[in-house]
Protein backbone atom coordinates (compact mmCIF):
# COMPACT_ATOMS: atom_id res chain seq x y z
CA UNK A 1 14.58 -21.68 -1.76
CA UNK A 2 15.92 -24.45 -3.98
CA UNK A 3 19.56 -24.45 -5.04
CA UNK A 4 18.72 -24.45 -8.76
CA UNK A 5 17.31 -20.91 -8.68
CA UNK A 6 20.22 -19.34 -6.80
CA UNK A 7 22.04 -17.21 -9.36
CA UNK A 8 25.73 -17.75 -9.91
CA UNK A 9 28.18 -15.26 -8.56
CA UNK A 10 29.33 -14.67 -5.02
CA UNK A 11 28.19 -11.02 -5.05
CA UNK A 12 24.65 -11.98 -6.00
CA UNK A 13 24.54 -14.69 -3.32
CA UNK A 14 25.96 -12.34 -0.69
CA UNK A 15 23.46 -9.63 -1.59
CA UNK A 16 20.51 -12.03 -1.46
CA UNK A 17 21.61 -13.46 1.91
CA UNK A 18 21.95 -9.96 3.38
CA UNK A 19 18.65 -8.79 1.91
CA UNK A 20 16.88 -11.88 3.24
CA UNK A 21 18.01 -10.90 6.76
CA UNK A 22 17.44 -7.13 6.70
CA UNK A 23 14.90 -6.49 3.91
CA UNK A 24 16.73 -3.31 2.89
CA UNK A 25 18.43 -2.87 -0.49
CA UNK A 26 20.92 -0.23 0.71
CA UNK A 27 22.03 -2.30 3.72
CA UNK A 28 22.26 -5.47 1.63
CA UNK A 29 24.38 -3.61 -0.95
CA UNK A 30 26.73 -2.43 1.80
CA UNK A 31 26.98 -5.91 3.34
CA UNK A 32 27.74 -7.54 -0.02
CA UNK A 33 29.90 -4.67 -1.30
CA UNK A 34 27.58 -4.28 -4.29
CA UNK A 35 26.37 -1.10 -5.95
CA UNK A 36 22.63 -0.47 -6.11
CA UNK A 37 22.84 -0.23 -9.89
CA UNK A 38 24.25 -3.76 -10.04
CA UNK A 39 21.31 -5.11 -8.08
CA UNK A 40 18.77 -3.34 -10.35
CA UNK A 41 20.66 -4.42 -13.49
CA UNK A 42 20.58 -8.04 -12.28
CA UNK A 43 16.83 -7.73 -11.71
CA UNK A 44 16.36 -6.58 -15.31
CA UNK A 45 18.71 -9.02 -17.03
CA UNK A 46 18.89 -12.21 -14.94
CA UNK A 47 15.63 -14.18 -14.58
CA UNK A 48 17.16 -16.56 -12.00
CA UNK A 49 18.30 -13.59 -9.89
CA UNK A 50 14.87 -11.96 -10.21
CA UNK A 51 13.22 -15.16 -8.96
CA UNK A 52 15.73 -15.55 -6.12
CA UNK A 53 15.23 -11.91 -5.12
CA UNK A 54 11.46 -12.47 -5.00
CA UNK A 55 12.02 -15.40 -2.67
CA UNK A 56 14.43 -13.38 -0.50
CA UNK A 57 11.88 -10.57 -0.35
CA UNK A 58 9.21 -12.99 0.90
CA UNK A 59 11.63 -14.32 3.53
CA UNK A 60 12.47 -10.77 4.66
CA UNK A 61 8.76 -9.95 4.89
CA UNK A 62 8.18 -13.09 6.98
CA UNK A 63 10.97 -12.07 9.38
CA UNK A 64 9.50 -8.58 9.74
CA UNK A 65 6.00 -9.98 10.23
CA UNK A 66 7.27 -12.30 12.99
CA UNK A 67 8.94 -9.33 14.72
CA UNK A 68 5.76 -7.26 14.42
CA UNK A 69 3.78 -10.14 15.97
CA UNK A 70 6.30 -10.46 18.79
CA UNK A 71 6.05 -6.76 19.61
CA UNK A 72 2.26 -6.69 19.29
CA UNK A 73 1.45 -9.89 21.18
CA UNK A 74 4.44 -10.66 23.42
CA UNK A 75 5.44 -7.03 23.90
CA UNK A 76 8.84 -5.59 24.70
CA UNK A 77 10.37 -4.84 28.07
CA UNK A 78 11.24 -1.25 28.79
CA UNK A 79 13.17 0.06 31.76
CA UNK A 80 11.37 2.69 33.87
CA UNK A 81 11.84 4.69 37.04
CA UNK A 82 15.45 5.67 36.57
CA UNK A 83 17.32 6.84 39.67
CA UNK A 84 20.99 7.78 39.59
CA UNK A 85 21.44 6.01 36.28
CA UNK A 86 19.83 2.76 37.43
CA UNK A 87 16.41 1.51 36.33
CA UNK A 88 13.84 1.13 39.06
CA UNK A 89 11.82 -1.47 37.24
CA UNK A 90 10.65 -2.94 33.97
CA UNK A 91 7.30 -2.67 32.19
CA UNK A 92 6.12 -4.69 29.24
CA UNK A 93 4.74 -2.56 26.40
CA UNK A 94 2.62 -3.82 23.53
CA UNK A 95 1.97 -2.25 20.15
CA UNK A 96 -1.72 -1.87 19.34
CA UNK A 97 -0.77 -0.32 15.99
CA UNK A 98 1.23 -3.38 14.93
CA UNK A 99 -1.61 -5.61 16.06
CA UNK A 100 -4.06 -3.63 13.91
CA UNK A 101 -1.82 -4.00 10.84
CA UNK A 102 -1.40 -7.73 11.45
CA UNK A 103 -5.16 -8.17 11.70
CA UNK A 104 -5.78 -6.10 8.58
CA UNK A 105 -3.28 -8.26 6.69
CA UNK A 106 -4.59 -11.59 7.92
CA UNK A 107 -8.32 -10.81 7.88
CA UNK A 108 -8.89 -7.91 5.48
CA UNK A 109 -12.57 -8.80 5.06
CA UNK A 110 -13.13 -8.14 8.77
CA UNK A 111 -10.59 -5.41 9.57
CA UNK A 112 -10.38 -3.35 6.36
CA UNK A 113 -11.08 0.36 6.25
CA UNK A 114 -14.65 1.12 5.31
CA UNK A 115 -16.04 4.13 3.53
CA UNK A 116 -19.71 4.92 3.31
CA UNK A 117 -20.95 7.23 0.58
CA UNK A 118 -24.35 8.80 1.15
CA UNK A 119 -26.65 10.97 -0.90
CA UNK A 120 -26.62 11.15 -4.67
CA UNK A 121 -23.02 9.95 -4.95
CA UNK A 122 -23.99 6.85 -3.00
CA UNK A 123 -26.13 5.79 -5.94
CA UNK A 124 -23.19 5.61 -8.35
CA UNK A 125 -22.12 2.08 -9.21
CA UNK A 126 -18.35 2.66 -9.20
CA UNK A 127 -17.81 -0.95 -10.26
CA UNK A 128 -19.23 -0.10 -13.70
CA UNK A 129 -16.89 2.83 -14.31
CA UNK A 130 -13.98 2.65 -16.69
CA UNK A 131 -10.37 3.11 -15.54
CA UNK A 132 -10.37 6.47 -17.29
CA UNK A 133 -13.47 7.63 -15.41
CA UNK A 134 -12.06 6.44 -12.08
CA UNK A 135 -8.77 8.24 -12.77
CA UNK A 136 -10.58 11.48 -13.53
CA UNK A 137 -12.57 11.22 -10.29
CA UNK A 138 -9.42 10.33 -8.31
CA UNK A 139 -7.69 13.42 -9.71
CA UNK A 140 -10.43 15.62 -8.27
CA UNK A 141 -12.95 15.97 -11.07
CA UNK A 142 -16.53 15.82 -9.79
CA UNK A 143 -18.15 12.43 -10.46
CA UNK A 144 -21.21 14.02 -12.07
CA UNK A 145 -18.98 15.79 -14.61
CA UNK A 146 -17.25 12.53 -15.42
CA UNK A 147 -20.52 10.64 -15.71
CA UNK A 148 -22.56 13.23 -17.64
CA UNK A 149 -22.17 11.36 -20.97
CA UNK A 150 -23.15 8.03 -19.37
CA UNK A 151 -25.97 9.02 -17.04
CA UNK A 152 -27.34 5.47 -16.92
CA UNK A 153 -24.63 4.70 -14.37
CA UNK A 154 -25.90 7.23 -11.89
CA UNK A 155 -29.40 8.42 -12.78
CA UNK A 156 -30.93 10.08 -9.71
CA UNK A 157 -34.08 8.48 -8.39
CA UNK A 158 -37.38 10.20 -7.73
CA UNK A 159 -37.01 12.65 -4.88
CA UNK A 160 -33.31 13.30 -5.51
CA UNK A 161 -32.41 16.89 -6.32
CA UNK A 162 -31.98 17.60 -10.01
CA UNK A 163 -28.45 17.55 -11.36
CA UNK A 164 -27.38 21.09 -12.23
CA UNK A 165 -24.49 22.42 -14.29
CA UNK A 166 -22.99 23.69 -11.01
CA UNK A 167 -22.96 20.13 -9.68
CA UNK A 168 -21.36 18.96 -12.90
CA UNK A 169 -18.83 21.78 -12.91
CA UNK A 170 -19.73 22.32 -16.55
CA UNK A 171 -20.15 25.68 -18.22
CA UNK A 172 -23.80 26.62 -18.82
CA UNK A 173 -25.18 25.89 -22.27
CA UNK A 174 -25.11 28.80 -24.69
CA UNK A 175 -27.18 29.46 -27.75
CA UNK A 176 -24.02 29.92 -29.81
CA UNK A 177 -24.34 33.71 -30.01
CA UNK A 178 -21.23 35.76 -29.26
CA UNK A 179 -21.55 38.48 -26.65
């Protein structure tokens, strides 16, 4: 980080240094004797502080990533076989979970989660949906109900079952007569 973007004020500098090391706002506030509200106010009102905090956040993330790599690849030693308060030996343990997260972060195209949609819903081109349509589907509304007005996005092909009002979760059409 260059000196010209470090905000003035010892409290700000102390907070940023602590945050850079621990990546935790509460702990950095305690270390710098700063209230959380001060930190958030500085973020809102001081562009130099906001930029410096972004840099400190990246540094903190790099430190955590290096520790995750160490635990995943190099492993950690753990005492085992205790007898009368003394360890009988040491084993090296590795974290497969951390390794998975590191791989997902570094090569998301290879290690990302995959979801396969089959059947009629597999024919929907979700890339053509609006944000509003996607939000409605994400909130639990059935995709066919969301897409009923724009059927060109999901028209079933020959051999697919017909779309029914039950599938759309729509009330059946009425002739307008009151019962």
